[in-house]
Amino acid sequence: MDSRHPSAPSPARSGIAATKHSNRRPPSTPHAGGLIHEHTRHTTRLTVIGNHLAQHPELSGLAIGLGVHIQSLSPGARVDIKTLAARFPEGATRIAAALRELETHG
């Protein structure tokens, strides 16, 4: 048999065309994991998140994600367990645990 069977699917193509993206750089050699880290400046519909939350060494990824989501909401938006569990697939138990993490770490 000489047919080829790749061990991994082709990487997903970006939804942003290279010619339309203001910060597009020439492609570089991918890292061992196959991902390239890029910074893109957003000028609309953004929320500034502090590194103290985004890089908190003691919070789980879920707690960080919920914290970011909560900070992105308008003032007065509902952020109770039931509302967040309806928005995210993790379920009420994991949402509650992540909210406790956020409360514990301020």
PDB file of N, CA and C in Angstrom:
ATOM      1  N   MET A   1       0.832  -1.183   0.000  1.00  0.00           N
ATOM      2  CA  MET A   1       0.000   0.000   0.000  1.00  0.00           C
ATOM      3  C   MET A   1       0.866   1.232   0.000  1.00  0.00           C
ATOM      4  N   ASP A   2       0.562   2.130  -0.905  1.00  0.00           N
ATOM      5  CA  ASP A   2       1.325   3.356  -0.899  1.00  0.00           C
ATOM      6  C   ASP A   2       0.436   4.590  -0.730  1.00  0.00           C
ATOM      7  N   SER A   3      -0.799   4.421  -0.241  1.00  0.00           N
ATOM      8  CA  SER A   3      -1.647   5.585   0.011  1.00  0.00           C
ATOM      9  C   SER A   3      -1.250   6.219   1.340  1.00  0.00           C
ATOM     10  N   ARG A   4      -1.324   7.532   1.380  1.00  0.00           N
ATOM     11  CA  ARG A   4      -0.924   8.254   2.584  1.00  0.00           C
ATOM     12  C   ARG A   4      -2.123   8.469   3.488  1.00  0.00           C
ATOM     13  N   HIS A   5      -1.895   8.326   4.801  1.00  0.00           N
ATOM     14  CA  HIS A   5      -2.913   8.571   5.804  1.00  0.00           C
ATOM     15  C   HIS A   5      -2.328   9.507   6.845  1.00  0.00           C
ATOM     16  N   PRO A   6      -2.639  10.806   6.758  1.00  0.00           N
ATOM     17  CA  PRO A   6      -2.064  11.721   7.745  1.00  0.00           C
ATOM     18  C   PRO A   6      -2.557  11.387   9.150  1.00  0.00           C
ATOM     19  N   SER A   7      -1.700  11.611  10.114  1.00  0.00           N
ATOM     20  CA  SER A   7      -2.045  11.290  11.493  1.00  0.00           C
ATOM     21  C   SER A   7      -2.841  12.403  12.162  1.00  0.00           C
ATOM     22  N   ALA A   8      -2.908  13.553  11.549  1.00  0.00           N
ATOM     23  CA  ALA A   8      -3.656  14.671  12.126  1.00  0.00           C
ATOM     24  C   ALA A   8      -4.332  15.442  11.010  1.00  0.00           C
ATOM     25  N   PRO A   9      -5.509  15.993  11.281  1.00  0.00           N
ATOM     26  CA  PRO A   9      -6.188  16.778  10.256  1.00  0.00           C
ATOM     27  C   PRO A   9      -5.431  18.073   9.968  1.00  0.00           C
ATOM     28  N   SER A  10      -5.690  18.646   8.812  1.00  0.00           N
ATOM     29  CA  SER A  10      -5.082  19.923   8.457  1.00  0.00           C
ATOM     30  C   SER A  10      -5.537  20.991   9.438  1.00  0.00           C
ATOM     31  N   PRO A  11      -4.685  21.981   9.713  1.00  0.00           N
ATOM     32  CA  PRO A  11      -5.097  23.035  10.642  1.00  0.00           C
ATOM     33  C   PRO A  11      -6.259  23.835  10.067  1.00  0.00           C
ATOM     34  N   ALA A  12      -7.079  24.367  10.956  1.00  0.00           N
ATOM     35  CA  ALA A  12      -8.215  25.174  10.535  1.00  0.00           C
ATOM     36  C   ALA A  12      -7.723  26.473   9.926  1.00  0.00           C
ATOM     37  N   ARG A  13      -8.421  26.940   8.915  1.00  0.00           N
ATOM     38  CA  ARG A  13      -8.064  28.202   8.291  1.00  0.00           C
ATOM     39  C   ARG A  13      -8.713  29.337   9.060  1.00  0.00           C
ATOM     40  N   SER A  14      -8.001  30.441   9.170  1.00  0.00           N
ATOM     41  CA  SER A  14      -8.521  31.608   9.865  1.00  0.00           C
ATOM     42  C   SER A  14      -9.690  32.185   9.089  1.00  0.00           C
ATOM     43  N   GLY A  15     -10.675  32.726   9.825  1.00  0.00           N
ATOM     44  CA  GLY A  15     -11.799  33.377   9.184  1.00  0.00           C
ATOM     45  C   GLY A  15     -11.448  34.761   8.677  1.00  0.00           C
ATOM     46  N   ILE A  16     -10.250  35.247   8.961  1.00  0.00           N
ATOM     47  CA  ILE A  16      -9.817  36.572   8.541  1.00  0.00           C
ATOM     48  C   ILE A  16      -8.817  36.411   7.413  1.00  0.00           C
ATOM     49  N   ALA A  17      -9.131  36.971   6.272  1.00  0.00           N
ATOM     50  CA  ALA A  17      -8.224  36.870   5.123  1.00  0.00           C
ATOM     51  C   ALA A  17      -6.938  37.633   5.414  1.00  0.00           C
ATOM     52  N   ALA A  18      -5.820  37.092   4.962  1.00  0.00           N
ATOM     53  CA  ALA A  18      -4.518  37.693   5.236  1.00  0.00           C
ATOM     54  C   ALA A  18      -4.427  39.126   4.726  1.00  0.00           C
ATOM     55  N   THR A  19      -5.074  39.434   3.619  1.00  0.00           N
ATOM     56  CA  THR A  19      -4.967  40.772   3.057  1.00  0.00           C
ATOM     57  C   THR A  19      -5.824  41.779   3.802  1.00  0.00           C
ATOM     58  N   LYS A  20      -6.806  41.337   4.585  1.00  0.00           N
ATOM     59  CA  LYS A  20      -7.702  42.243   5.288  1.00  0.00           C
ATOM     60  C   LYS A  20      -7.305  42.458   6.745  1.00  0.00           C
ATOM     61  N   HIS A  21      -6.404  41.677   7.255  1.00  0.00           N
ATOM     62  CA  HIS A  21      -6.024  41.744   8.664  1.00  0.00           C
ATOM     63  C   HIS A  21      -4.898  42.748   8.827  1.00  0.00           C
ATOM     64  N   SER A  22      -5.143  43.797   9.627  1.00  0.00           N
ATOM     65  CA  SER A  22      -4.180  44.888   9.754  1.00  0.00           C
ATOM     66  C   SER A  22      -2.871  44.486  10.419  1.00  0.00           C
ATOM     67  N   ASN A  23      -2.887  43.454  11.251  1.00  0.00           N
ATOM     68  CA  ASN A  23      -1.672  43.067  11.969  1.00  0.00           C
ATOM     69  C   ASN A  23      -1.068  41.768  11.452  1.00  0.00           C
ATOM     70  N   ARG A  24      -1.456  41.342  10.276  1.00  0.00           N
ATOM     71  CA  ARG A  24      -0.978  40.060   9.737  1.00  0.00           C
ATOM     72  C   ARG A  24       0.510  40.144   9.445  1.00  0.00           C
ATOM     73  N   ARG A  25       1.251  39.192   9.975  1.00  0.00           N
ATOM     74  CA  ARG A  25       2.676  39.088   9.723  1.00  0.00           C
ATOM     75  C   ARG A  25       2.909  37.893   8.819  1.00  0.00           C
ATOM     76  N   PRO A  26       4.071  37.861   8.183  1.00  0.00           N
ATOM     77  CA  PRO A  26       4.363  36.672   7.378  1.00  0.00           C
ATOM     78  C   PRO A  26       4.370  35.438   8.268  1.00  0.00           C
ATOM     79  N   PRO A  27       3.920  34.301   7.743  1.00  0.00           N
ATOM     80  CA  PRO A  27       3.905  33.092   8.574  1.00  0.00           C
ATOM     81  C   PRO A  27       5.307  32.728   9.031  1.00  0.00           C
ATOM     82  N   SER A  28       5.385  32.237  10.249  1.00  0.00           N
ATOM     83  CA  SER A  28       6.670  31.791  10.775  1.00  0.00           C
ATOM     84  C   SER A  28       6.588  30.284  11.011  1.00  0.00           C
ATOM     85  N   THR A  29       7.694  29.710  11.386  1.00  0.00           N
ATOM     86  CA  THR A  29       7.712  28.286  11.655  1.00  0.00           C
ATOM     87  C   THR A  29       6.884  27.996  12.892  1.00  0.00           C
ATOM     88  N   PRO A  30       5.909  27.079  12.804  1.00  0.00           N
ATOM     89  CA  PRO A  30       5.082  26.780  13.975  1.00  0.00           C
ATOM     90  C   PRO A  30       5.914  26.210  15.113  1.00  0.00           C
ATOM     91  N   HIS A  31       5.447  26.453  16.325  1.00  0.00           N
ATOM     92  CA  HIS A  31       6.090  25.885  17.506  1.00  0.00           C
ATOM     93  C   HIS A  31       5.812  24.389  17.536  1.00  0.00           C
ATOM     94  N   ALA A  32       6.420  23.703  18.463  1.00  0.00           N
ATOM     95  CA  ALA A  32       6.263  22.251  18.564  1.00  0.00           C
ATOM     96  C   ALA A  32       4.796  21.845  18.644  1.00  0.00           C
ATOM     97  N   GLY A  33       3.964  22.654  19.298  1.00  0.00           N
ATOM     98  CA  GLY A  33       2.551  22.339  19.427  1.00  0.00           C
ATOM     99  C   GLY A  33       1.741  22.689  18.199  1.00  0.00           C
ATOM    100  N   GLY A  34       2.340  23.372  17.236  1.00  0.00           N
ATOM    101  CA  GLY A  34       1.637  23.713  16.019  1.00  0.00           C
ATOM    102  C   GLY A  34       0.879  25.025  16.086  1.00  0.00           C
ATOM    103  N   LEU A  35       0.994  25.764  17.190  1.00  0.00           N
ATOM    104  CA  LEU A  35       0.282  27.028  17.338  1.00  0.00           C
ATOM    105  C   LEU A  35       1.246  28.192  17.267  1.00  0.00           C
ATOM    106  N   ILE A  36       0.762  29.305  16.740  1.00  0.00           N
ATOM    107  CA  ILE A  36       1.545  30.530  16.705  1.00  0.00           C
ATOM    108  C   ILE A  36       0.784  31.565  17.518  1.00  0.00           C
ATOM    109  N   HIS A  37       1.437  32.169  18.489  1.00  0.00           N
ATOM    110  CA  HIS A  37       0.825  33.191  19.343  1.00  0.00           C
ATOM    111  C   HIS A  37       0.900  34.528  18.630  1.00  0.00           C
ATOM    112  N   GLU A  38      -0.241  35.182  18.431  1.00  0.00           N
ATOM    113  CA  GLU A  38      -0.277  36.493  17.799  1.00  0.00           C
ATOM    114  C   GLU A  38      -1.046  37.462  18.678  1.00  0.00           C
ATOM    115  N   HIS A  39      -0.587  38.687  18.716  1.00  0.00           N
ATOM    116  CA  HIS A  39      -1.322  39.762  19.381  1.00  0.00           C
ATOM    117  C   HIS A  39      -2.068  40.523  18.292  1.00  0.00           C
ATOM    118  N   THR A  40      -3.345  40.765  18.517  1.00  0.00           N
ATOM    119  CA  THR A  40      -4.154  41.529  17.575  1.00  0.00           C
ATOM    120  C   THR A  40      -4.791  42.684  18.335  1.00  0.00           C
ATOM    121  N   ARG A  41      -4.614  43.900  17.837  1.00  0.00           N
ATOM    122  CA  ARG A  41      -5.213  45.066  18.487  1.00  0.00           C
ATOM    123  C   ARG A  41      -6.673  45.165  18.071  1.00  0.00           C
ATOM    124  N   HIS A  42      -7.548  45.146  19.081  1.00  0.00           N
ATOM    125  CA  HIS A  42      -8.976  45.317  18.849  1.00  0.00           C
ATOM    126  C   HIS A  42      -9.328  46.767  19.158  1.00  0.00           C
ATOM    127  N   THR A  43     -10.172  47.354  18.331  1.00  0.00           N
ATOM    128  CA  THR A  43     -10.527  48.755  18.541  1.00  0.00           C
ATOM    129  C   THR A  43     -12.004  48.942  18.870  1.00  0.00           C
ATOM    130  N   THR A  44     -12.803  47.900  18.779  1.00  0.00           N
ATOM    131  CA  THR A  44     -14.223  47.980  19.125  1.00  0.00           C
ATOM    132  C   THR A  44     -14.617  46.722  19.878  1.00  0.00           C
ATOM    133  N   ARG A  45     -15.694  46.811  20.640  1.00  0.00           N
ATOM    134  CA  ARG A  45     -16.245  45.675  21.361  1.00  0.00           C
ATOM    135  C   ARG A  45     -15.181  44.925  22.158  1.00  0.00           C
ATOM    136  N   LEU A  46     -14.501  45.633  23.041  1.00  0.00           N
ATOM    137  CA  LEU A  46     -13.439  44.993  23.810  1.00  0.00           C
ATOM    138  C   LEU A  46     -13.604  45.272  25.296  1.00  0.00           C
ATOM    139  N   THR A  47     -12.990  44.415  26.078  1.00  0.00           N
ATOM    140  CA  THR A  47     -12.931  44.562  27.522  1.00  0.00           C
ATOM    141  C   THR A  47     -11.475  44.436  27.920  1.00  0.00           C
ATOM    142  N   VAL A  48     -10.982  45.367  28.708  1.00  0.00           N
ATOM    143  CA  VAL A  48      -9.604  45.287  29.178  1.00  0.00           C
ATOM    144  C   VAL A  48      -9.590  44.414  30.424  1.00  0.00           C
ATOM    145  N   ILE A  49      -8.787  43.382  30.385  1.00  0.00           N
ATOM    146  CA  ILE A  49      -8.679  42.421  31.490  1.00  0.00           C
ATOM    147  C   ILE A  49      -7.271  42.516  32.064  1.00  0.00           C
ATOM    148  N   GLY A  50      -7.177  42.672  33.367  1.00  0.00           N
ATOM    149  CA  GLY A  50      -5.868  42.759  34.010  1.00  0.00           C
ATOM    150  C   GLY A  50      -5.150  41.417  34.026  1.00  0.00           C
ATOM    151  N   ASN A  51      -3.844  41.479  33.954  1.00  0.00           N
ATOM    152  CA  ASN A  51      -3.042  40.254  34.036  1.00  0.00           C
ATOM    153  C   ASN A  51      -3.195  39.565  35.384  1.00  0.00           C
ATOM    154  N   HIS A  52      -3.567  40.330  36.425  1.00  0.00           N
ATOM    155  CA  HIS A  52      -3.748  39.700  37.732  1.00  0.00           C
ATOM    156  C   HIS A  52      -4.864  38.650  37.670  1.00  0.00           C
ATOM    157  N   LEU A  53      -5.829  38.809  36.777  1.00  0.00           N
ATOM    158  CA  LEU A  53      -6.860  37.792  36.573  1.00  0.00           C
ATOM    159  C   LEU A  53      -6.437  36.807  35.488  1.00  0.00           C
ATOM    160  N   ALA A  54      -6.041  37.312  34.346  1.00  0.00           N
ATOM    161  CA  ALA A  54      -5.731  36.452  33.202  1.00  0.00           C
ATOM    162  C   ALA A  54      -4.597  35.468  33.483  1.00  0.00           C
ATOM    163  N   GLN A  55      -3.671  35.844  34.343  1.00  0.00           N
ATOM    164  CA  GLN A  55      -2.511  34.989  34.617  1.00  0.00           C
ATOM    165  C   GLN A  55      -2.433  34.558  36.080  1.00  0.00           C
ATOM    166  N   HIS A  56      -3.561  34.570  36.770  1.00  0.00           N
ATOM    167  CA  HIS A  56      -3.569  34.239  38.199  1.00  0.00           C
ATOM    168  C   HIS A  56      -3.046  32.820  38.405  1.00  0.00           C
ATOM    169  N   PRO A  57      -2.031  32.647  39.234  1.00  0.00           N
ATOM    170  CA  PRO A  57      -1.402  31.334  39.381  1.00  0.00           C
ATOM    171  C   PRO A  57      -2.237  30.308  40.151  1.00  0.00           C
ATOM    172  N   GLU A  58      -3.245  30.756  40.899  1.00  0.00           N
ATOM    173  CA  GLU A  58      -3.996  29.820  41.727  1.00  0.00           C
ATOM    174  C   GLU A  58      -5.414  29.560  41.229  1.00  0.00           C
ATOM    175  N   LEU A  59      -5.852  30.254  40.185  1.00  0.00           N
ATOM    176  CA  LEU A  59      -7.201  30.059  39.667  1.00  0.00           C
ATOM    177  C   LEU A  59      -7.202  29.023  38.543  1.00  0.00           C
ATOM    178  N   SER A  60      -8.277  28.258  38.467  1.00  0.00           N
ATOM    179  CA  SER A  60      -8.444  27.308  37.367  1.00  0.00           C
ATOM    180  C   SER A  60      -8.773  28.071  36.088  1.00  0.00           C
ATOM    181  N   GLY A  61      -8.635  27.400  34.983  1.00  0.00           N
ATOM    182  CA  GLY A  61      -8.999  27.994  33.696  1.00  0.00           C
ATOM    183  C   GLY A  61     -10.462  28.386  33.653  1.00  0.00           C
ATOM    184  N   LEU A  62     -11.310  27.565  34.250  1.00  0.00           N
ATOM    185  CA  LEU A  62     -12.738  27.882  34.282  1.00  0.00           C
ATOM    186  C   LEU A  62     -12.996  29.147  35.092  1.00  0.00           C
ATOM    187  N   ALA A  63     -12.358  29.293  36.236  1.00  0.00           N
ATOM    188  CA  ALA A  63     -12.548  30.488  37.059  1.00  0.00           C
ATOM    189  C   ALA A  63     -12.045  31.732  36.331  1.00  0.00           C
ATOM    190  N   ILE A  64     -10.907  31.629  35.676  1.00  0.00           N
ATOM    191  CA  ILE A  64     -10.390  32.761  34.907  1.00  0.00           C
ATOM    192  C   ILE A  64     -11.358  33.114  33.791  1.00  0.00           C
ATOM    193  N   GLY A  65     -11.832  32.110  33.073  1.00  0.00           N
ATOM    194  CA  GLY A  65     -12.782  32.350  31.992  1.00  0.00           C
ATOM    195  C   GLY A  65     -14.064  32.999  32.478  1.00  0.00           C
ATOM    196  N   LEU A  66     -14.590  32.528  33.601  1.00  0.00           N
ATOM    197  CA  LEU A  66     -15.800  33.140  34.155  1.00  0.00           C
ATOM    198  C   LEU A  66     -15.532  34.573  34.605  1.00  0.00           C
ATOM    199  N   GLY A  67     -14.384  34.802  35.218  1.00  0.00           N
ATOM    200  CA  GLY A  67     -14.038  36.156  35.633  1.00  0.00           C
ATOM    201  C   GLY A  67     -13.962  37.101  34.447  1.00  0.00           C
ATOM    202  N   VAL A  68     -13.358  36.654  33.375  1.00  0.00           N
ATOM    203  CA  VAL A  68     -13.273  37.464  32.157  1.00  0.00           C
ATOM    204  C   VAL A  68     -14.674  37.724  31.607  1.00  0.00           C
ATOM    205  N   HIS A  69     -15.500  36.677  31.550  1.00  0.00           N
ATOM    206  CA  HIS A  69     -16.865  36.832  31.046  1.00  0.00           C
ATOM    207  C   HIS A  69     -17.651  37.836  31.894  1.00  0.00           C
ATOM    208  N   ILE A  70     -17.553  37.695  33.200  1.00  0.00           N
ATOM    209  CA  ILE A  70     -18.287  38.591  34.104  1.00  0.00           C
ATOM    210  C   ILE A  70     -17.827  40.038  33.906  1.00  0.00           C
ATOM    211  N   GLN A  71     -16.514  40.254  33.769  1.00  0.00           N
ATOM    212  CA  GLN A  71     -16.022  41.616  33.571  1.00  0.00           C
ATOM    213  C   GLN A  71     -16.472  42.198  32.234  1.00  0.00           C
ATOM    214  N   SER A  72     -16.783  41.348  31.266  1.00  0.00           N
ATOM    215  CA  SER A  72     -17.191  41.843  29.951  1.00  0.00           C
ATOM    216  C   SER A  72     -18.666  42.237  29.898  1.00  0.00           C
ATOM    217  N   LEU A  73     -19.433  41.864  30.924  1.00  0.00           N
ATOM    218  CA  LEU A  73     -20.868  42.141  30.929  1.00  0.00           C
ATOM    219  C   LEU A  73     -21.167  43.583  31.334  1.00  0.00           C
ATOM    220  N   SER A  74     -22.330  44.045  30.922  1.00  0.00           N
ATOM    221  CA  SER A  74     -22.777  45.396  31.296  1.00  0.00           C
ATOM    222  C   SER A  74     -23.075  45.441  32.787  1.00  0.00           C
ATOM    223  N   PRO A  75     -22.925  46.601  33.416  1.00  0.00           N
ATOM    224  CA  PRO A  75     -23.270  46.733  34.832  1.00  0.00           C
ATOM    225  C   PRO A  75     -24.724  46.310  35.067  1.00  0.00           C
ATOM    226  N   GLY A  76     -24.957  45.563  36.118  1.00  0.00           N
ATOM    227  CA  GLY A  76     -26.296  45.106  36.447  1.00  0.00           C
ATOM    228  C   GLY A  76     -26.688  43.788  35.808  1.00  0.00           C
ATOM    229  N   ALA A  77     -25.833  43.237  34.953  1.00  0.00           N
ATOM    230  CA  ALA A  77     -26.140  41.942  34.324  1.00  0.00           C
ATOM    231  C   ALA A  77     -26.172  40.842  35.383  1.00  0.00           C
ATOM    232  N   ARG A  78     -27.008  39.851  35.169  1.00  0.00           N
ATOM    233  CA  ARG A  78     -27.104  38.733  36.118  1.00  0.00           C
ATOM    234  C   ARG A  78     -25.875  37.846  35.996  1.00  0.00           C
ATOM    235  N   VAL A  79     -25.269  37.525  37.138  1.00  0.00           N
ATOM    236  CA  VAL A  79     -24.098  36.646  37.156  1.00  0.00           C
ATOM    237  C   VAL A  79     -24.267  35.553  38.210  1.00  0.00           C
ATOM    238  N   ASP A  80     -25.497  35.101  38.403  1.00  0.00           N
ATOM    239  CA  ASP A  80     -25.750  34.032  39.367  1.00  0.00           C
ATOM    240  C   ASP A  80     -25.458  32.676  38.724  1.00  0.00           C
ATOM    241  N   ILE A  81     -25.411  31.650  39.544  1.00  0.00           N
ATOM    242  CA  ILE A  81     -25.064  30.307  39.073  1.00  0.00           C
ATOM    243  C   ILE A  81     -26.012  29.838  37.979  1.00  0.00           C
ATOM    244  N   LYS A  82     -27.304  30.021  38.184  1.00  0.00           N
ATOM    245  CA  LYS A  82     -28.290  29.554  37.204  1.00  0.00           C
ATOM    246  C   LYS A  82     -28.097  30.229  35.836  1.00  0.00           C
ATOM    247  N   THR A  83     -27.891  31.535  35.835  1.00  0.00           N
ATOM    248  CA  THR A  83     -27.702  32.270  34.584  1.00  0.00           C
ATOM    249  C   THR A  83     -26.414  31.843  33.886  1.00  0.00           C
ATOM    250  N   LEU A  84     -25.329  31.720  34.647  1.00  0.00           N
ATOM    251  CA  LEU A  84     -24.054  31.317  34.055  1.00  0.00           C
ATOM    252  C   LEU A  84     -24.093  29.868  33.567  1.00  0.00           C
ATOM    253  N   ALA A  85     -24.785  29.003  34.297  1.00  0.00           N
ATOM    254  CA  ALA A  85     -24.894  27.600  33.875  1.00  0.00           C
ATOM    255  C   ALA A  85     -25.718  27.479  32.599  1.00  0.00           C
ATOM    256  N   ALA A  86     -26.669  28.380  32.397  1.00  0.00           N
ATOM    257  CA  ALA A  86     -27.450  28.371  31.157  1.00  0.00           C
ATOM    258  C   ALA A  86     -26.597  28.848  29.975  1.00  0.00           C
ATOM    259  N   ARG A  87     -25.597  29.673  30.252  1.00  0.00           N
ATOM    260  CA  ARG A  87     -24.737  30.229  29.200  1.00  0.00           C
ATOM    261  C   ARG A  87     -23.591  29.302  28.824  1.00  0.00           C
ATOM    262  N   PHE A  88     -23.041  28.569  29.805  1.00  0.00           N
ATOM    263  CA  PHE A  88     -21.865  27.739  29.582  1.00  0.00           C
ATOM    264  C   PHE A  88     -22.198  26.258  29.769  1.00  0.00           C
ATOM    265  N   PRO A  89     -21.481  25.365  29.089  1.00  0.00           N
ATOM    266  CA  PRO A  89     -21.788  23.941  29.164  1.00  0.00           C
ATOM    267  C   PRO A  89     -21.289  23.232  30.426  1.00  0.00           C
ATOM    268  N   GLU A  90     -20.514  23.900  31.277  1.00  0.00           N
ATOM    269  CA  GLU A  90     -19.904  23.229  32.426  1.00  0.00           C
ATOM    270  C   GLU A  90     -20.902  22.765  33.476  1.00  0.00           C
ATOM    271  N   GLY A  91     -22.041  23.375  33.575  1.00  0.00           N
ATOM    272  CA  GLY A  91     -23.037  22.954  34.556  1.00  0.00           C
ATOM    273  C   GLY A  91     -22.914  23.719  35.866  1.00  0.00           C
ATOM    274  N   ALA A  92     -23.998  23.665  36.650  1.00  0.00           N
ATOM    275  CA  ALA A  92     -24.112  24.463  37.867  1.00  0.00           C
ATOM    276  C   ALA A  92     -23.046  24.129  38.911  1.00  0.00           C
ATOM    277  N   THR A  93     -22.702  22.859  39.072  1.00  0.00           N
ATOM    278  CA  THR A  93     -21.728  22.468  40.103  1.00  0.00           C
ATOM    279  C   THR A  93     -20.357  23.066  39.809  1.00  0.00           C
ATOM    280  N   ARG A  94     -19.900  22.944  38.572  1.00  0.00           N
ATOM    281  CA  ARG A  94     -18.581  23.484  38.215  1.00  0.00           C
ATOM    282  C   ARG A  94     -18.588  25.005  38.196  1.00  0.00           C
ATOM    283  N   ILE A  95     -19.698  25.611  37.758  1.00  0.00           N
ATOM    284  CA  ILE A  95     -19.816  27.071  37.772  1.00  0.00           C
ATOM    285  C   ILE A  95     -19.737  27.572  39.215  1.00  0.00           C
ATOM    286  N   ALA A  96     -20.468  26.914  40.126  1.00  0.00           N
ATOM    287  CA  ALA A  96     -20.459  27.315  41.537  1.00  0.00           C
ATOM    288  C   ALA A  96     -19.050  27.216  42.117  1.00  0.00           C
ATOM    289  N   ALA A  97     -18.337  26.147  41.800  1.00  0.00           N
ATOM    290  CA  ALA A  97     -16.970  25.978  42.302  1.00  0.00           C
ATOM    291  C   ALA A  97     -16.056  27.079  41.770  1.00  0.00           C
ATOM    292  N   ALA A  98     -16.205  27.427  40.496  1.00  0.00           N
ATOM    293  CA  ALA A  98     -15.374  28.483  39.902  1.00  0.00           C
ATOM    294  C   ALA A  98     -15.693  29.836  40.534  1.00  0.00           C
ATOM    295  N   LEU A  99     -16.962  30.103  40.807  1.00  0.00           N
ATOM    296  CA  LEU A  99     -17.326  31.358  41.471  1.00  0.00           C
ATOM    297  C   LEU A  99     -16.755  31.413  42.883  1.00  0.00           C
ATOM    298  N   ARG A 100     -16.735  30.275  43.586  1.00  0.00           N
ATOM    299  CA  ARG A 100     -16.119  30.236  44.927  1.00  0.00           C
ATOM    300  C   ARG A 100     -14.622  30.536  44.832  1.00  0.00           C
ATOM    301  N   GLU A 101     -13.963  30.001  43.793  1.00  0.00           N
ATOM    302  CA  GLU A 101     -12.540  30.312  43.589  1.00  0.00           C
ATOM    303  C   GLU A 101     -12.336  31.806  43.444  1.00  0.00           C
ATOM    304  N   LEU A 102     -13.171  32.439  42.612  1.00  0.00           N
ATOM    305  CA  LEU A 102     -13.050  33.879  42.399  1.00  0.00           C
ATOM    306  C   LEU A 102     -13.275  34.650  43.690  1.00  0.00           C
ATOM    307  N   GLU A 103     -14.250  34.240  44.467  1.00  0.00           N
ATOM    308  CA  GLU A 103     -14.523  34.898  45.748  1.00  0.00           C
ATOM    309  C   GLU A 103     -13.352  34.722  46.706  1.00  0.00           C
ATOM    310  N   THR A 104     -12.805  33.515  46.750  1.00  0.00           N
ATOM    311  CA  THR A 104     -11.692  33.225  47.655  1.00  0.00           C
ATOM    312  C   THR A 104     -10.472  34.088  47.341  1.00  0.00           C
ATOM    313  N   HIS A 105     -10.225  34.301  46.049  1.00  0.00           N
ATOM    314  CA  HIS A 105      -9.030  35.034  45.637  1.00  0.00           C
ATOM    315  C   HIS A 105      -9.301  36.498  45.329  1.00  0.00           C
ATOM    316  N   GLY A 106     -10.469  36.974  45.741  1.00  0.00           N
ATOM    317  CA  GLY A 106     -10.768  38.390  45.615  1.00  0.00           C
ATOM    318  C   GLY A 106     -11.193  38.808  44.245  1.00  0.00           C
TER     319      GLY A 106
END
